[in-house]
Amino acid sequence: MAGARPEAVNNAPVNHPVTFTSTFHSQAVAGSGDRVYARFANPSWDGFEQLLGQLELATLPALVYSSGMAAIAAALSLVPRGGTLVLPRHSYNGSLSLLAQMEAAGDVVVRPIDITDTAAGIAALQGADALWLESPTNPMLEVAELPVLLAAAAEHGVLSLVDNTFATPLLQRPLGLGADVVVHSVTKSLSGHSDVVLGAAVTSNPQLREKLHAYRTLHGAIASPMDVFLALRGMRTLSVRLERAQSNAQFLAEQLEAHPAVGAV
C-alpha cells in the first residue's frame, strides 16, 4: 500500500512513526545521502512523499514543504531571474501577491492571461520562460485546457508549473499531461481536516527536484513531522471525501438552479 511502512515482518508497524529529532547518528562522509540533519530529510516525511508522488504518477517522491506558499515559492524559484511568466489573471491570491513582490524587485515579468482563452494563452507563450497554470482556478473556478497548453509550452521550450490543489491527483494528473512541476496546498483537500498547514511539490525531473529540494533546505521551508503524519492520515480518506464533496456540490447546484431567485448557476 502506497505510503505505508515497507517492512513486512511480524509486529512491524503499518504506519510511519513520528520522528522528533533534529540530528541523526551518522558514520558516513559528506554527500553520502545520509539524513544527518532533520532540515535535509526526516523519516516522517517519507510515506507522504512516496504516496503523493505515486498519486501524481511521478517517477520520484514528492517534496513536502512547511506550507502551500512555501511550495509555490520553491516552484517559482525555478523561473530564470528576470524571466517572463505567463499565468491566469485569476490565480490564487497568495501566488499573485508573491509574484507582485518578485516583479517589483525585477525578479520576474508577469504576463497575465484569460486562462479560458486557449488561443490567447498559446500566443502568450511566445518569448516566455515559464507557464503557471491553475485548473480550476482559485477562486473563480475557471477551467484550462491543460493538455493543449502544456503541449504548447513544451513546444516553445517553456517551463510548465501547475497548481493542482483544487482538482487533486484523483481528478487530474498534470505530470501525465506534460507538466514539469506540480504543486499542492496540502492544507486543503489532501489533508482534509483543517488541522495542518503544509505544501508539496512533485516532479519526475531529477534536476528540477534537486533544485526544489535545495530551496527547501536552504530556505528552511521544512514541515513539522507531526503535521506530515496527520496529512498522510488524511490522505487515506481523500477518495471518499472528494466523492462526497462533488455529490454535495452537484446537489447544491441543482437546488440553486431550480430556485426562482437565482438567475444563473
Protein backbone atom coordinates (compact mmCIF):
# COMPACT_ATOMS: atom_id res chain seq x y z
CA MET A 1 0.00 0.00 0.00
CA ALA A 2 1.44 3.36 -1.02
CA GLY A 3 2.73 5.43 1.87
CA ALA A 4 2.77 2.51 4.31
CA ARG A 5 5.84 1.14 6.07
CA PRO A 6 7.68 -1.28 3.78
CA GLU A 7 8.55 -3.80 6.50
CA ALA A 8 6.52 -6.98 6.21
CA VAL A 9 7.94 -8.69 9.30
CA ASN A 10 5.74 -9.74 12.15
CA ASN A 11 4.77 -6.96 14.59
CA ALA A 12 6.12 -4.20 12.32
CA PRO A 13 4.02 -1.01 12.43
CA VAL A 14 1.77 -0.32 9.45
CA ASN A 15 2.10 3.45 9.73
CA HIS A 16 5.21 5.62 9.62
CA PRO A 17 6.04 6.74 13.17
CA VAL A 18 6.52 10.39 14.01
CA THR A 19 10.24 11.07 14.40
CA PHE A 20 11.02 14.06 16.60
CA THR A 21 14.71 14.73 16.20
CA SER A 22 16.99 17.43 14.88
CA THR A 23 20.01 15.21 14.15
CA PHE A 24 20.79 11.62 13.22
CA HIS A 25 23.69 9.30 14.01
CA SER A 26 25.98 9.02 11.01
CA GLN A 27 29.31 7.39 10.27
CA ALA A 28 29.17 8.44 6.61
CA VAL A 29 31.14 11.02 4.70
CA ALA A 30 29.56 14.18 3.34
CA GLY A 31 27.42 13.65 0.26
CA SER A 32 26.63 10.01 1.05
CA GLY A 33 22.89 10.62 1.20
CA ASP A 34 22.56 10.04 4.95
CA ARG A 35 19.99 12.17 6.75
CA VAL A 36 22.49 13.71 9.23
CA TYR A 37 20.29 16.74 9.99
CA ALA A 38 16.50 16.97 10.05
CA ARG A 39 16.42 20.04 7.80
CA PHE A 40 17.63 17.78 4.97
CA ALA A 41 15.19 14.90 5.49
CA ASN A 42 13.03 13.22 8.11
CA PRO A 43 11.65 9.66 8.04
CA SER A 44 8.26 11.08 9.00
CA TRP A 45 8.10 12.68 5.54
CA ASP A 46 8.85 9.51 3.61
CA GLY A 47 5.42 7.90 3.49
CA PHE A 48 3.63 11.09 2.49
CA GLU A 49 6.17 11.97 -0.19
CA GLN A 50 6.03 8.47 -1.64
CA LEU A 51 2.24 8.40 -1.67
CA LEU A 52 1.78 11.80 -3.30
CA GLY A 53 4.46 11.04 -5.86
CA GLN A 54 2.67 7.85 -6.84
CA LEU A 55 -0.73 9.54 -6.97
CA GLU A 56 0.66 12.20 -9.31
CA LEU A 57 2.26 9.47 -11.48
CA ALA A 58 5.71 10.88 -10.79
CA THR A 59 8.79 8.71 -11.09
CA LEU A 60 10.23 10.39 -7.98
CA PRO A 61 8.83 11.00 -4.49
CA ALA A 62 7.18 14.36 -3.85
CA LEU A 63 8.73 17.02 -1.61
CA VAL A 64 6.74 18.24 1.37
CA TYR A 65 7.04 21.90 2.49
CA SER A 66 6.00 23.92 5.51
CA SER A 67 3.05 25.47 3.64
CA GLY A 68 1.42 25.72 0.24
CA MET A 69 3.05 29.12 -0.23
CA ALA A 70 6.46 27.61 0.55
CA ALA A 71 5.89 25.06 -2.21
CA ILE A 72 4.70 27.80 -4.58
CA ALA A 73 7.76 29.93 -3.77
CA ALA A 74 10.02 26.95 -4.42
CA ALA A 75 8.38 26.29 -7.79
CA LEU A 76 8.59 29.96 -8.79
CA SER A 77 12.28 29.97 -7.89
CA LEU A 78 12.77 27.77 -10.97
CA VAL A 79 11.86 30.70 -13.24
CA PRO A 80 15.06 32.37 -14.52
CA ARG A 81 15.79 35.71 -12.85
CA GLY A 82 14.11 38.44 -14.91
CA GLY A 83 12.25 35.82 -16.94
CA THR A 84 8.69 36.12 -18.21
CA LEU A 85 5.97 34.09 -16.52
CA VAL A 86 2.56 33.51 -18.14
CA LEU A 87 -0.23 32.80 -15.66
CA PRO A 88 -4.03 33.03 -15.22
CA ARG A 89 -5.15 36.52 -14.21
CA HIS A 90 -7.39 34.93 -11.56
CA SER A 91 -4.71 32.80 -9.91
CA TYR A 92 -4.60 32.19 -6.17
CA ASN A 93 -4.16 35.50 -4.37
CA GLY A 94 -1.10 34.30 -2.46
CA SER A 95 0.63 33.43 -5.74
CA LEU A 96 -0.31 36.81 -7.25
CA SER A 97 0.92 38.70 -4.17
CA LEU A 98 4.26 36.88 -4.19
CA LEU A 99 4.66 37.49 -7.91
CA ALA A 100 3.88 41.18 -7.44
CA GLN A 101 6.78 41.40 -4.96
CA MET A 102 9.05 39.46 -7.30
CA GLU A 103 8.14 41.68 -10.24
CA ALA A 104 8.74 44.85 -8.22
CA ALA A 105 12.21 43.52 -7.36
CA GLY A 106 12.94 42.78 -11.02
CA ASP A 107 12.98 39.02 -10.48
CA VAL A 108 10.20 38.20 -12.95
CA VAL A 109 7.99 39.74 -15.62
CA VAL A 110 4.36 38.68 -15.14
CA ARG A 111 2.19 38.16 -18.22
CA PRO A 112 -1.43 37.53 -17.08
CA ILE A 113 -3.92 35.85 -19.42
CA ASP A 114 -7.56 34.74 -19.54
CA ILE A 115 -6.95 31.04 -18.97
CA THR A 116 -10.24 30.10 -20.64
CA ASP A 117 -8.97 31.58 -23.92
CA THR A 118 -6.65 28.81 -25.04
CA ALA A 119 -5.54 30.53 -28.24
CA ALA A 120 -4.56 33.65 -26.31
CA GLY A 121 -2.71 31.51 -23.78
CA ILE A 122 -0.68 29.82 -26.51
CA ALA A 123 0.10 33.17 -28.12
CA ALA A 124 1.33 34.50 -24.77
CA LEU A 125 3.96 31.75 -24.62
CA GLN A 126 5.97 33.44 -27.35
CA GLY A 127 9.19 34.65 -25.69
CA ALA A 128 8.10 33.39 -22.25
CA ASP A 129 10.25 31.39 -19.85
CA ALA A 130 7.59 29.71 -17.74
CA LEU A 131 3.87 28.95 -17.66
CA TRP A 132 1.93 28.81 -14.38
CA LEU A 133 -1.42 27.07 -14.52
CA GLU A 134 -4.33 26.51 -12.17
CA SER A 135 -7.32 24.45 -13.24
CA PRO A 136 -9.79 25.06 -11.78
CA THR A 137 -8.53 28.49 -10.77
CA ASN A 138 -8.83 29.70 -7.18
CA PRO A 139 -11.34 31.20 -6.55
CA MET A 140 -13.01 31.74 -9.96
CA LEU A 141 -13.11 28.03 -10.87
CA GLU A 142 -12.07 28.66 -14.48
CA VAL A 143 -11.00 25.54 -16.34
CA ALA A 144 -7.94 25.46 -18.58
CA GLU A 145 -7.27 23.13 -21.48
CA LEU A 146 -4.28 21.63 -19.73
CA PRO A 147 -3.24 19.11 -22.43
CA VAL A 148 -3.23 21.77 -25.14
CA LEU A 149 -1.47 24.45 -23.10
CA LEU A 150 1.12 22.06 -21.68
CA ALA A 151 1.88 20.68 -25.14
CA ALA A 152 2.32 24.24 -26.43
CA ALA A 153 4.62 25.07 -23.54
CA ALA A 154 6.79 22.06 -24.32
CA GLU A 155 6.88 23.03 -27.99
CA HIS A 156 8.08 26.54 -27.06
CA GLY A 157 10.62 25.24 -24.53
CA VAL A 158 8.69 26.89 -21.70
CA LEU A 159 8.88 25.50 -18.15
CA SER A 160 5.38 24.44 -17.05
CA LEU A 161 4.24 24.66 -13.41
CA VAL A 162 0.75 23.57 -12.33
CA ASP A 163 -1.04 24.23 -9.05
CA ASN A 164 -3.21 21.11 -8.72
CA THR A 165 -4.66 21.94 -5.30
CA PHE A 166 -8.32 22.18 -6.28
CA ALA A 167 -8.53 19.13 -8.56
CA THR A 168 -6.20 16.85 -6.55
CA PRO A 169 -4.43 13.96 -8.28
CA LEU A 170 -7.62 11.92 -8.12
CA LEU A 171 -9.27 14.16 -10.72
CA GLN A 172 -6.28 15.16 -12.87
CA ARG A 173 -2.59 14.37 -13.09
CA PRO A 174 -0.77 17.23 -14.85
CA LEU A 175 2.59 15.45 -14.98
CA GLY A 176 0.99 12.86 -17.22
CA LEU A 177 -0.22 15.69 -19.44
CA GLY A 178 3.26 17.14 -19.84
CA ALA A 179 3.74 19.44 -16.83
CA ASP A 180 7.25 19.82 -15.44
CA VAL A 181 6.27 20.51 -11.82
CA VAL A 182 3.04 20.18 -9.84
CA VAL A 183 2.41 21.95 -6.53
CA HIS A 184 -0.23 21.49 -3.85
CA SER A 185 -1.50 23.26 -0.81
CA VAL A 186 -1.74 20.11 1.30
CA THR A 187 -3.68 22.22 3.80
CA LYS A 188 -6.76 21.89 1.60
CA SER A 189 -8.19 18.65 0.20
CA LEU A 190 -5.17 16.39 0.56
CA SER A 191 -5.00 16.71 4.34
CA GLY A 192 -8.70 17.43 4.56
CA HIS A 193 -9.27 18.20 8.23
CA SER A 194 -8.20 21.86 8.64
CA ASP A 195 -5.64 20.91 11.26
CA VAL A 196 -2.32 21.32 9.42
CA VAL A 197 -0.61 23.85 7.14
CA LEU A 198 1.56 22.10 4.53
CA GLY A 199 2.55 22.24 0.88
CA ALA A 200 4.14 19.90 -1.63
CA ALA A 201 5.87 19.88 -4.99
CA VAL A 202 6.14 16.94 -7.38
CA THR A 203 8.27 16.37 -10.48
CA SER A 204 9.72 13.48 -12.47
CA ASN A 205 12.74 15.56 -13.48
CA PRO A 206 15.75 14.77 -11.23
CA GLN A 207 17.45 18.13 -11.89
CA LEU A 208 14.30 20.11 -11.06
CA ARG A 209 13.71 18.00 -7.95
CA GLU A 210 17.24 18.69 -6.77
CA LYS A 211 16.66 22.43 -7.14
CA LEU A 212 13.33 22.18 -5.30
CA HIS A 213 15.00 20.16 -2.53
CA ALA A 214 17.83 22.67 -2.25
CA TYR A 215 15.30 25.51 -1.98
CA ARG A 216 13.51 23.70 0.85
CA THR A 217 16.76 23.02 2.70
CA LEU A 218 18.38 26.43 2.31
CA HIS A 219 15.21 28.44 2.97
CA GLY A 220 14.24 26.29 5.94
CA ALA A 221 10.81 25.59 4.42
CA ILE A 222 10.55 22.27 6.22
CA ALA A 223 7.46 20.58 7.57
CA SER A 224 6.68 19.52 11.12
CA PRO A 225 6.88 15.71 11.45
CA MET A 226 3.55 15.68 13.29
CA ASP A 227 1.83 17.72 10.59
CA VAL A 228 3.05 15.35 7.89
CA PHE A 229 1.83 12.37 9.94
CA LEU A 230 -1.61 13.97 10.13
CA ALA A 231 -1.59 14.80 6.41
CA LEU A 232 -0.73 11.22 5.48
CA ARG A 233 -3.58 10.01 7.68
CA GLY A 234 -5.89 12.48 5.96
CA MET A 235 -4.83 11.26 2.53
CA ARG A 236 -6.27 7.83 3.38
CA THR A 237 -9.78 9.27 3.13
CA LEU A 238 -9.22 11.59 0.16
CA SER A 239 -11.21 9.47 -2.29
CA VAL A 240 -14.34 9.23 -0.13
CA ARG A 241 -14.16 12.90 0.89
CA LEU A 242 -13.75 14.01 -2.72
CA GLU A 243 -16.66 11.84 -3.85
CA ARG A 244 -18.92 13.32 -1.16
CA ALA A 245 -17.76 16.89 -1.87
CA GLN A 246 -18.67 16.51 -5.53
CA SER A 247 -22.01 14.93 -4.66
CA ASN A 248 -22.83 17.80 -2.28
CA ALA A 249 -21.79 20.39 -4.87
CA GLN A 250 -23.99 18.77 -7.51
CA PHE A 251 -26.96 18.77 -5.14
CA LEU A 252 -26.46 22.43 -4.22
CA ALA A 253 -26.09 23.44 -7.87
CA GLU A 254 -29.34 21.69 -8.77
CA GLN A 255 -31.19 23.30 -5.86
CA LEU A 256 -29.91 26.76 -6.75
CA GLU A 257 -30.71 26.31 -10.42
CA ALA A 258 -34.31 25.46 -9.55
CA HIS A 259 -34.71 28.42 -7.19
CA PRO A 260 -36.72 31.34 -8.69
CA ALA A 261 -34.46 33.93 -7.07
CA VAL A 262 -31.33 32.59 -8.80
CA GLY A 263 -30.62 33.86 -12.29
CA ALA A 264 -27.83 31.52 -13.28
CA VAL A 265 -25.65 28.77 -11.81
